[in-house]
Amino acid sequence: MDPTNNIWQVALALMAIVGVVLLLGFIAKRIKFGRPTASGNLQIVDTTHLGPKEKLVLVRVADQHILFGMNPQCITKLAQYSARGDFEETLEHVQANQV
């Protein structure tokens, strides 16, 4: 058996395995396993990372939007407003109270 032929077989097998892993990762990201669906009463509307372990999460619960600040130690409710209300007005109110 030719050693060069054996190396090519191993290289092709490894490339096929890496390809399958990348494909499964892409599929898992598109399906978004573990996330609430839009049809339920709870939906994650948006997430913004502020640092390596800090983020803001905007959650819709029924007809309310709630803004949370999250870090490894705690989750803090920052603002709550009606989904039908004006978000910019609420954000200005929150900023005014923070100063």
PDB file of N, CA and C in Angstrom:
ATOM      1  N   MET A   1       0.851  -1.185   0.000  1.00  0.00           N
ATOM      2  CA  MET A   1       0.000   0.000   0.000  1.00  0.00           C
ATOM      3  C   MET A   1       0.887   1.235   0.000  1.00  0.00           C
ATOM      4  N   ASP A   2       0.560   2.183  -0.840  1.00  0.00           N
ATOM      5  CA  ASP A   2       1.333   3.403  -1.008  1.00  0.00           C
ATOM      6  C   ASP A   2       1.019   4.370   0.132  1.00  0.00           C
ATOM      7  N   PRO A   3       2.052   4.852   0.883  1.00  0.00           N
ATOM      8  CA  PRO A   3       1.796   5.777   2.001  1.00  0.00           C
ATOM      9  C   PRO A   3       1.179   7.107   1.544  1.00  0.00           C
ATOM     10  N   THR A   4       1.508   7.568   0.357  1.00  0.00           N
ATOM     11  CA  THR A   4       0.953   8.825  -0.145  1.00  0.00           C
ATOM     12  C   THR A   4      -0.548   8.704  -0.363  1.00  0.00           C
ATOM     13  N   ASN A   5      -0.978   7.570  -0.873  1.00  0.00           N
ATOM     14  CA  ASN A   5      -2.397   7.326  -1.090  1.00  0.00           C
ATOM     15  C   ASN A   5      -3.148   7.306   0.240  1.00  0.00           C
ATOM     16  N   ASN A   6      -2.545   6.717   1.253  1.00  0.00           N
ATOM     17  CA  ASN A   6      -3.143   6.637   2.588  1.00  0.00           C
ATOM     18  C   ASN A   6      -3.292   8.034   3.199  1.00  0.00           C
ATOM     19  N   ILE A   7      -2.304   8.890   3.016  1.00  0.00           N
ATOM     20  CA  ILE A   7      -2.361  10.259   3.555  1.00  0.00           C
ATOM     21  C   ILE A   7      -3.500  11.031   2.903  1.00  0.00           C
ATOM     22  N   TRP A   8      -3.668  10.869   1.582  1.00  0.00           N
ATOM     23  CA  TRP A   8      -4.751  11.550   0.884  1.00  0.00           C
ATOM     24  C   TRP A   8      -6.113  11.072   1.360  1.00  0.00           C
ATOM     25  N   GLN A   9      -6.231   9.796   1.636  1.00  0.00           N
ATOM     26  CA  GLN A   9      -7.501   9.262   2.141  1.00  0.00           C
ATOM     27  C   GLN A   9      -7.836   9.863   3.503  1.00  0.00           C
ATOM     28  N   VAL A  10      -6.841   9.944   4.365  1.00  0.00           N
ATOM     29  CA  VAL A  10      -7.045  10.525   5.697  1.00  0.00           C
ATOM     30  C   VAL A  10      -7.392  12.015   5.576  1.00  0.00           C
ATOM     31  N   ALA A  11      -6.694  12.744   4.701  1.00  0.00           N
ATOM     32  CA  ALA A  11      -6.962  14.171   4.524  1.00  0.00           C
ATOM     33  C   ALA A  11      -8.382  14.395   3.994  1.00  0.00           C
ATOM     34  N   LEU A  12      -8.803  13.608   3.031  1.00  0.00           N
ATOM     35  CA  LEU A  12     -10.163  13.743   2.500  1.00  0.00           C
ATOM     36  C   LEU A  12     -11.211  13.407   3.555  1.00  0.00           C
ATOM     37  N   ALA A  13     -10.956  12.387   4.360  1.00  0.00           N
ATOM     38  CA  ALA A  13     -11.889  12.026   5.425  1.00  0.00           C
ATOM     39  C   ALA A  13     -11.997  13.153   6.449  1.00  0.00           C
ATOM     40  N   LEU A  14     -10.882  13.771   6.818  1.00  0.00           N
ATOM     41  CA  LEU A  14     -10.900  14.885   7.774  1.00  0.00           C
ATOM     42  C   LEU A  14     -11.636  16.097   7.199  1.00  0.00           C
ATOM     43  N   MET A  15     -11.425  16.397   5.913  1.00  0.00           N
ATOM     44  CA  MET A  15     -12.140  17.511   5.288  1.00  0.00           C
ATOM     45  C   MET A  15     -13.642  17.245   5.249  1.00  0.00           C
ATOM     46  N   ALA A  16     -14.029  16.009   5.012  1.00  0.00           N
ATOM     47  CA  ALA A  16     -15.454  15.664   5.007  1.00  0.00           C
ATOM     48  C   ALA A  16     -16.046  15.841   6.398  1.00  0.00           C
ATOM     49  N   ILE A  17     -15.331  15.436   7.431  1.00  0.00           N
ATOM     50  CA  ILE A  17     -15.815  15.573   8.807  1.00  0.00           C
ATOM     51  C   ILE A  17     -15.949  17.047   9.176  1.00  0.00           C
ATOM     52  N   VAL A  18     -14.951  17.853   8.833  1.00  0.00           N
ATOM     53  CA  VAL A  18     -15.014  19.291   9.126  1.00  0.00           C
ATOM     54  C   VAL A  18     -16.184  19.924   8.374  1.00  0.00           C
ATOM     55  N   GLY A  19     -16.396  19.520   7.138  1.00  0.00           N
ATOM     56  CA  GLY A  19     -17.518  20.039   6.362  1.00  0.00           C
ATOM     57  C   GLY A  19     -18.858  19.713   7.005  1.00  0.00           C
ATOM     58  N   VAL A  20     -19.003  18.483   7.503  1.00  0.00           N
ATOM     59  CA  VAL A  20     -20.251  18.080   8.160  1.00  0.00           C
ATOM     60  C   VAL A  20     -20.465  18.883   9.436  1.00  0.00           C
ATOM     61  N   VAL A  21     -19.405  19.093  10.206  1.00  0.00           N
ATOM     62  CA  VAL A  21     -19.520  19.870  11.453  1.00  0.00           C
ATOM     63  C   VAL A  21     -19.925  21.305  11.143  1.00  0.00           C
ATOM     64  N   LEU A  22     -19.309  21.930  10.128  1.00  0.00           N
ATOM     65  CA  LEU A  22     -19.673  23.296   9.758  1.00  0.00           C
ATOM     66  C   LEU A  22     -21.112  23.376   9.258  1.00  0.00           C
ATOM     67  N   LEU A  23     -21.541  22.406   8.487  1.00  0.00           N
ATOM     68  CA  LEU A  23     -22.915  22.379   7.997  1.00  0.00           C
ATOM     69  C   LEU A  23     -23.909  22.246   9.153  1.00  0.00           C
ATOM     70  N   LEU A  24     -23.623  21.365  10.106  1.00  0.00           N
ATOM     71  CA  LEU A  24     -24.510  21.206  11.260  1.00  0.00           C
ATOM     72  C   LEU A  24     -24.559  22.478  12.110  1.00  0.00           C
ATOM     73  N   GLY A  25     -23.420  23.160  12.247  1.00  0.00           N
ATOM     74  CA  GLY A  25     -23.393  24.428  12.979  1.00  0.00           C
ATOM     75  C   GLY A  25     -24.228  25.487  12.301  1.00  0.00           C
ATOM     76  N   PHE A  26     -24.153  25.551  10.975  1.00  0.00           N
ATOM     77  CA  PHE A  26     -24.955  26.507  10.214  1.00  0.00           C
ATOM     78  C   PHE A  26     -26.441  26.210  10.377  1.00  0.00           C
ATOM     79  N   ILE A  27     -26.804  24.946  10.279  1.00  0.00           N
ATOM     80  CA  ILE A  27     -28.206  24.555  10.432  1.00  0.00           C
ATOM     81  C   ILE A  27     -28.710  24.876  11.840  1.00  0.00           C
ATOM     82  N   ALA A  28     -27.901  24.585  12.858  1.00  0.00           N
ATOM     83  CA  ALA A  28     -28.306  24.863  14.242  1.00  0.00           C
ATOM     84  C   ALA A  28     -28.498  26.361  14.463  1.00  0.00           C
ATOM     85  N   LYS A  29     -27.655  27.183  13.855  1.00  0.00           N
ATOM     86  CA  LYS A  29     -27.783  28.628  14.013  1.00  0.00           C
ATOM     87  C   LYS A  29     -29.047  29.141  13.327  1.00  0.00           C
ATOM     88  N   ARG A  30     -29.380  28.585  12.179  1.00  0.00           N
ATOM     89  CA  ARG A  30     -30.577  29.007  11.459  1.00  0.00           C
ATOM     90  C   ARG A  30     -31.847  28.598  12.196  1.00  0.00           C
ATOM     91  N   ILE A  31     -31.840  27.437  12.849  1.00  0.00           N
ATOM     92  CA  ILE A  31     -33.013  26.964  13.570  1.00  0.00           C
ATOM     93  C   ILE A  31     -33.146  27.668  14.912  1.00  0.00           C
ATOM     94  N   LYS A  32     -32.021  28.095  15.505  1.00  0.00           N
ATOM     95  CA  LYS A  32     -31.998  28.794  16.793  1.00  0.00           C
ATOM     96  C   LYS A  32     -32.600  27.927  17.894  1.00  0.00           C
ATOM     97  N   PHE A  33     -31.949  26.812  18.156  1.00  0.00           N
ATOM     98  CA  PHE A  33     -32.402  25.911  19.211  1.00  0.00           C
ATOM     99  C   PHE A  33     -32.443  26.635  20.546  1.00  0.00           C
ATOM    100  N   GLY A  34     -33.495  26.368  21.351  1.00  0.00           N
ATOM    101  CA  GLY A  34     -33.580  26.892  22.703  1.00  0.00           C
ATOM    102  C   GLY A  34     -34.135  28.302  22.804  1.00  0.00           C
ATOM    103  N   ARG A  35     -34.415  28.951  21.692  1.00  0.00           N
ATOM    104  CA  ARG A  35     -34.977  30.295  21.745  1.00  0.00           C
ATOM    105  C   ARG A  35     -36.493  30.233  21.715  1.00  0.00           C
ATOM    106  N   PRO A  36     -37.155  31.126  22.431  1.00  0.00           N
ATOM    107  CA  PRO A  36     -38.613  31.160  22.375  1.00  0.00           C
ATOM    108  C   PRO A  36     -39.086  31.503  20.960  1.00  0.00           C
ATOM    109  N   THR A  37     -40.195  30.963  20.598  1.00  0.00           N
ATOM    110  CA  THR A  37     -40.733  31.244  19.274  1.00  0.00           C
ATOM    111  C   THR A  37     -41.578  32.515  19.316  1.00  0.00           C
ATOM    112  N   ALA A  38     -41.776  33.105  18.154  1.00  0.00           N
ATOM    113  CA  ALA A  38     -42.551  34.341  18.070  1.00  0.00           C
ATOM    114  C   ALA A  38     -44.033  34.095  18.343  1.00  0.00           C
ATOM    115  N   SER A  39     -44.472  32.851  18.288  1.00  0.00           N
ATOM    116  CA  SER A  39     -45.882  32.568  18.492  1.00  0.00           C
ATOM    117  C   SER A  39     -46.266  32.543  19.974  1.00  0.00           C
ATOM    118  N   GLY A  40     -45.291  32.450  20.880  1.00  0.00           N
ATOM    119  CA  GLY A  40     -45.578  32.406  22.311  1.00  0.00           C
ATOM    120  C   GLY A  40     -45.757  33.794  22.891  1.00  0.00           C
ATOM    121  N   ASN A  41     -45.973  33.860  24.197  1.00  0.00           N
ATOM    122  CA  ASN A  41     -46.129  35.141  24.876  1.00  0.00           C
ATOM    123  C   ASN A  41     -44.798  35.779  25.226  1.00  0.00           C
ATOM    124  N   LEU A  42     -43.716  35.047  25.090  1.00  0.00           N
ATOM    125  CA  LEU A  42     -42.389  35.547  25.446  1.00  0.00           C
ATOM    126  C   LEU A  42     -41.513  35.517  24.214  1.00  0.00           C
ATOM    127  N   GLN A  43     -40.887  36.670  23.898  1.00  0.00           N
ATOM    128  CA  GLN A  43     -40.025  36.742  22.725  1.00  0.00           C
ATOM    129  C   GLN A  43     -38.840  37.644  23.023  1.00  0.00           C
ATOM    130  N   ILE A  44     -37.641  37.191  22.693  1.00  0.00           N
ATOM    131  CA  ILE A  44     -36.459  38.033  22.778  1.00  0.00           C
ATOM    132  C   ILE A  44     -36.432  38.869  21.506  1.00  0.00           C
ATOM    133  N   VAL A  45     -36.623  40.176  21.651  1.00  0.00           N
ATOM    134  CA  VAL A  45     -36.715  41.066  20.503  1.00  0.00           C
ATOM    135  C   VAL A  45     -35.327  41.410  19.988  1.00  0.00           C
ATOM    136  N   ASP A  46     -34.409  41.749  20.901  1.00  0.00           N
ATOM    137  CA  ASP A  46     -33.059  42.142  20.488  1.00  0.00           C
ATOM    138  C   ASP A  46     -32.097  41.956  21.638  1.00  0.00           C
ATOM    139  N   THR A  47     -30.837  41.750  21.301  1.00  0.00           N
ATOM    140  CA  THR A  47     -29.767  41.607  22.284  1.00  0.00           C
ATOM    141  C   THR A  47     -28.576  42.424  21.815  1.00  0.00           C
ATOM    142  N   THR A  48     -27.987  43.198  22.722  1.00  0.00           N
ATOM    143  CA  THR A  48     -26.792  43.977  22.412  1.00  0.00           C
ATOM    144  C   THR A  48     -25.737  43.688  23.463  1.00  0.00           C
ATOM    145  N   HIS A  49     -24.556  43.264  23.019  1.00  0.00           N
ATOM    146  CA  HIS A  49     -23.464  42.979  23.943  1.00  0.00           C
ATOM    147  C   HIS A  49     -22.729  44.275  24.259  1.00  0.00           C
ATOM    148  N   LEU A  50     -22.551  44.544  25.543  1.00  0.00           N
ATOM    149  CA  LEU A  50     -21.849  45.744  25.989  1.00  0.00           C
ATOM    150  C   LEU A  50     -20.390  45.456  26.302  1.00  0.00           C
ATOM    151  N   GLY A  51     -20.079  44.228  26.578  1.00  0.00           N
ATOM    152  CA  GLY A  51     -18.735  43.786  26.903  1.00  0.00           C
ATOM    153  C   GLY A  51     -18.692  42.282  26.814  1.00  0.00           C
ATOM    154  N   PRO A  52     -17.594  41.668  27.245  1.00  0.00           N
ATOM    155  CA  PRO A  52     -17.483  40.214  27.133  1.00  0.00           C
ATOM    156  C   PRO A  52     -18.556  39.453  27.922  1.00  0.00           C
ATOM    157  N   LYS A  53     -18.998  40.016  29.031  1.00  0.00           N
ATOM    158  CA  LYS A  53     -19.979  39.310  29.868  1.00  0.00           C
ATOM    159  C   LYS A  53     -21.199  40.150  30.210  1.00  0.00           C
ATOM    160  N   GLU A  54     -21.342  41.323  29.587  1.00  0.00           N
ATOM    161  CA  GLU A  54     -22.480  42.194  29.860  1.00  0.00           C
ATOM    162  C   GLU A  54     -23.277  42.388  28.581  1.00  0.00           C
ATOM    163  N   LYS A  55     -24.615  42.426  28.727  1.00  0.00           N
ATOM    164  CA  LYS A  55     -25.449  42.667  27.560  1.00  0.00           C
ATOM    165  C   LYS A  55     -26.776  43.267  27.968  1.00  0.00           C
ATOM    166  N   LEU A  56     -27.434  43.898  27.000  1.00  0.00           N
ATOM    167  CA  LEU A  56     -28.792  44.392  27.139  1.00  0.00           C
ATOM    168  C   LEU A  56     -29.703  43.462  26.345  1.00  0.00           C
ATOM    169  N   VAL A  57     -30.844  43.113  26.943  1.00  0.00           N
ATOM    170  CA  VAL A  57     -31.793  42.226  26.285  1.00  0.00           C
ATOM    171  C   VAL A  57     -33.165  42.880  26.323  1.00  0.00           C
ATOM    172  N   LEU A  58     -33.779  43.016  25.151  1.00  0.00           N
ATOM    173  CA  LEU A  58     -35.129  43.552  25.041  1.00  0.00           C
ATOM    174  C   LEU A  58     -36.076  42.379  24.840  1.00  0.00           C
ATOM    175  N   VAL A  59     -37.027  42.222  25.785  1.00  0.00           N
ATOM    176  CA  VAL A  59     -37.940  41.075  25.786  1.00  0.00           C
ATOM    177  C   VAL A  59     -39.372  41.586  25.640  1.00  0.00           C
ATOM    178  N   ARG A  60     -40.153  40.905  24.806  1.00  0.00           N
ATOM    179  CA  ARG A  60     -41.572  41.211  24.687  1.00  0.00           C
ATOM    180  C   ARG A  60     -42.345  40.146  25.444  1.00  0.00           C
ATOM    181  N   VAL A  61     -43.159  40.583  26.403  1.00  0.00           N
ATOM    182  CA  VAL A  61     -44.026  39.693  27.164  1.00  0.00           C
ATOM    183  C   VAL A  61     -45.446  40.210  26.983  1.00  0.00           C
ATOM    184  N   ALA A  62     -46.268  39.434  26.304  1.00  0.00           N
ATOM    185  CA  ALA A  62     -47.641  39.834  25.968  1.00  0.00           C
ATOM    186  C   ALA A  62     -47.599  41.170  25.241  1.00  0.00           C
ATOM    187  N   ASP A  63     -48.150  42.244  25.836  1.00  0.00           N
ATOM    188  CA  ASP A  63     -48.138  43.549  25.162  1.00  0.00           C
ATOM    189  C   ASP A  63     -47.170  44.526  25.823  1.00  0.00           C
ATOM    190  N   GLN A  64     -46.166  44.027  26.523  1.00  0.00           N
ATOM    191  CA  GLN A  64     -45.166  44.856  27.193  1.00  0.00           C
ATOM    192  C   GLN A  64     -43.774  44.547  26.648  1.00  0.00           C
ATOM    193  N   HIS A  65     -42.918  45.570  26.581  1.00  0.00           N
ATOM    194  CA  HIS A  65     -41.499  45.385  26.290  1.00  0.00           C
ATOM    195  C   HIS A  65     -40.738  45.682  27.572  1.00  0.00           C
ATOM    196  N   ILE A  66     -39.786  44.827  27.899  1.00  0.00           N
ATOM    197  CA  ILE A  66     -38.981  45.010  29.109  1.00  0.00           C
ATOM    198  C   ILE A  66     -37.513  44.964  28.700  1.00  0.00           C
ATOM    199  N   LEU A  67     -36.738  45.956  29.149  1.00  0.00           N
ATOM    200  CA  LEU A  67     -35.310  46.036  28.863  1.00  0.00           C
ATOM    201  C   LEU A  67     -34.542  45.567  30.086  1.00  0.00           C
ATOM    202  N   PHE A  68     -33.703  44.540  29.921  1.00  0.00           N
ATOM    203  CA  PHE A  68     -32.904  43.990  31.007  1.00  0.00           C
ATOM    204  C   PHE A  68     -31.426  44.239  30.751  1.00  0.00           C
ATOM    205  N   GLY A  69     -30.700  44.507  31.831  1.00  0.00           N
ATOM    206  CA  GLY A  69     -29.240  44.521  31.802  1.00  0.00           C
ATOM    207  C   GLY A  69     -28.776  43.230  32.451  1.00  0.00           C
ATOM    208  N   MET A  70     -27.863  42.528  31.799  1.00  0.00           N
ATOM    209  CA  MET A  70     -27.441  41.215  32.304  1.00  0.00           C
ATOM    210  C   MET A  70     -25.922  41.155  32.408  1.00  0.00           C
ATOM    211  N   ASN A  71     -25.461  40.561  33.516  1.00  0.00           N
ATOM    212  CA  ASN A  71     -24.053  40.215  33.682  1.00  0.00           C
ATOM    213  C   ASN A  71     -24.001  38.893  34.441  1.00  0.00           C
ATOM    214  N   PRO A  72     -22.831  38.321  34.659  1.00  0.00           N
ATOM    215  CA  PRO A  72     -22.783  37.003  35.311  1.00  0.00           C
ATOM    216  C   PRO A  72     -23.350  36.979  36.733  1.00  0.00           C
ATOM    217  N   GLN A  73     -23.380  38.136  37.412  1.00  0.00           N
ATOM    218  CA  GLN A  73     -23.844  38.163  38.798  1.00  0.00           C
ATOM    219  C   GLN A  73     -25.347  38.408  38.928  1.00  0.00           C
ATOM    220  N   CYS A  74     -25.948  39.167  38.004  1.00  0.00           N
ATOM    221  CA  CYS A  74     -27.350  39.511  38.188  1.00  0.00           C
ATOM    222  C   CYS A  74     -28.020  39.912  36.874  1.00  0.00           C
ATOM    223  N   ILE A  75     -29.331  39.974  36.944  1.00  0.00           N
ATOM    224  CA  ILE A  75     -30.160  40.477  35.852  1.00  0.00           C
ATOM    225  C   ILE A  75     -30.953  41.640  36.427  1.00  0.00           C
ATOM    226  N   THR A  76     -30.874  42.813  35.789  1.00  0.00           N
ATOM    227  CA  THR A  76     -31.524  44.009  36.300  1.00  0.00           C
ATOM    228  C   THR A  76     -32.547  44.524  35.283  1.00  0.00           C
ATOM    229  N   LYS A  77     -33.754  44.767  35.757  1.00  0.00           N
ATOM    230  CA  LYS A  77     -34.788  45.356  34.896  1.00  0.00           C
ATOM    231  C   LYS A  77     -34.516  46.852  34.808  1.00  0.00           C
ATOM    232  N   LEU A  78     -34.303  47.343  33.589  1.00  0.00           N
ATOM    233  CA  LEU A  78     -33.958  48.743  33.394  1.00  0.00           C
ATOM    234  C   LEU A  78     -35.158  49.593  33.002  1.00  0.00           C
ATOM    235  N   ALA A  79     -36.043  49.048  32.180  1.00  0.00           N
ATOM    236  CA  ALA A  79     -37.203  49.820  31.726  1.00  0.00           C
ATOM    237  C   ALA A  79     -38.302  48.870  31.295  1.00  0.00           C
ATOM    238  N   GLN A  80     -39.527  49.374  31.361  1.00  0.00           N
ATOM    239  CA  GLN A  80     -40.684  48.612  30.903  1.00  0.00           C
ATOM    240  C   GLN A  80     -41.633  49.598  30.242  1.00  0.00           C
ATOM    241  N   TYR A  81     -42.161  49.215  29.094  1.00  0.00           N
ATOM    242  CA  TYR A  81     -43.094  50.093  28.407  1.00  0.00           C
ATOM    243  C   TYR A  81     -44.065  49.263  27.586  1.00  0.00           C
ATOM    244  N   SER A  82     -45.155  49.863  27.209  1.00  0.00           N
ATOM    245  CA  SER A  82     -46.163  49.195  26.407  1.00  0.00           C
ATOM    246  C   SER A  82     -45.627  48.977  25.004  1.00  0.00           C
ATOM    247  N   ALA A  83     -45.913  47.833  24.430  1.00  0.00           N
ATOM    248  CA  ALA A  83     -45.462  47.536  23.075  1.00  0.00           C
ATOM    249  C   ALA A  83     -46.092  48.493  22.078  1.00  0.00           C
ATOM    250  N   ARG A  84     -47.208  49.081  22.445  1.00  0.00           N
ATOM    251  CA  ARG A  84     -47.887  50.026  21.564  1.00  0.00           C
ATOM    252  C   ARG A  84     -47.389  51.452  21.788  1.00  0.00           C
ATOM    253  N   GLY A  85     -46.609  51.679  22.842  1.00  0.00           N
ATOM    254  CA  GLY A  85     -46.130  53.020  23.170  1.00  0.00           C
ATOM    255  C   GLY A  85     -44.899  53.405  22.367  1.00  0.00           C
ATOM    256  N   ASP A  86     -44.400  54.596  22.624  1.00  0.00           N
ATOM    257  CA  ASP A  86     -43.261  55.141  21.902  1.00  0.00           C
ATOM    258  C   ASP A  86     -41.981  54.788  22.659  1.00  0.00           C
ATOM    259  N   PHE A  87     -41.139  53.974  22.072  1.00  0.00           N
ATOM    260  CA  PHE A  87     -39.924  53.521  22.733  1.00  0.00           C
ATOM    261  C   PHE A  87     -38.958  54.677  22.975  1.00  0.00           C
ATOM    262  N   GLU A  88     -38.828  55.588  22.022  1.00  0.00           N
ATOM    263  CA  GLU A  88     -37.888  56.700  22.182  1.00  0.00           C
ATOM    264  C   GLU A  88     -38.256  57.566  23.379  1.00  0.00           C
ATOM    265  N   GLU A  89     -39.547  57.797  23.584  1.00  0.00           N
ATOM    266  CA  GLU A  89     -40.002  58.585  24.737  1.00  0.00           C
ATOM    267  C   GLU A  89     -39.635  57.869  26.034  1.00  0.00           C
ATOM    268  N   THR A  90     -39.839  56.576  26.080  1.00  0.00           N
ATOM    269  CA  THR A  90     -39.497  55.804  27.267  1.00  0.00           C
ATOM    270  C   THR A  90     -38.000  55.818  27.509  1.00  0.00           C
ATOM    271  N   LEU A  91     -37.204  55.694  26.440  1.00  0.00           N
ATOM    272  CA  LEU A  91     -35.749  55.703  26.574  1.00  0.00           C
ATOM    273  C   LEU A  91     -35.263  57.045  27.109  1.00  0.00           C
ATOM    274  N   GLU A  92     -35.839  58.155  26.632  1.00  0.00           N
ATOM    275  CA  GLU A  92     -35.475  59.469  27.149  1.00  0.00           C
ATOM    276  C   GLU A  92     -35.815  59.589  28.627  1.00  0.00           C
ATOM    277  N   HIS A  93     -36.954  59.026  29.042  1.00  0.00           N
ATOM    278  CA  HIS A  93     -37.362  59.043  30.434  1.00  0.00           C
ATOM    279  C   HIS A  93     -36.367  58.270  31.289  1.00  0.00           C
ATOM    280  N   VAL A  94     -35.932  57.118  30.815  1.00  0.00           N
ATOM    281  CA  VAL A  94     -34.969  56.291  31.556  1.00  0.00           C
ATOM    282  C   VAL A  94     -33.639  57.031  31.663  1.00  0.00           C
ATOM    283  N   GLN A  95     -33.179  57.642  30.577  1.00  0.00           N
ATOM    284  CA  GLN A  95     -31.915  58.369  30.602  1.00  0.00           C
ATOM    285  C   GLN A  95     -31.987  59.554  31.539  1.00  0.00           C
ATOM    286  N   ALA A  96     -33.109  60.247  31.592  1.00  0.00           N
ATOM    287  CA  ALA A  96     -33.271  61.386  32.490  1.00  0.00           C
ATOM    288  C   ALA A  96     -33.215  60.954  33.952  1.00  0.00           C
ATOM    289  N   ASN A  97     -33.763  59.777  34.257  1.00  0.00           N
ATOM    290  CA  ASN A  97     -33.755  59.268  35.629  1.00  0.00           C
ATOM    291  C   ASN A  97     -32.390  58.742  36.031  1.00  0.00           C
ATOM    292  N   GLN A  98     -31.556  58.347  35.066  1.00  0.00           N
ATOM    293  CA  GLN A  98     -30.242  57.789  35.363  1.00  0.00           C
ATOM    294  C   GLN A  98     -29.236  58.893  35.689  1.00  0.00           C
ATOM    295  N   VAL A  99     -29.459  60.115  35.183  1.00  0.00           N
ATOM    296  CA  VAL A  99     -28.487  61.202  35.346  1.00  0.00           C
ATOM    297  C   VAL A  99     -28.574  61.827  36.690  1.00  0.00           C
TER     298      VAL A  99
END
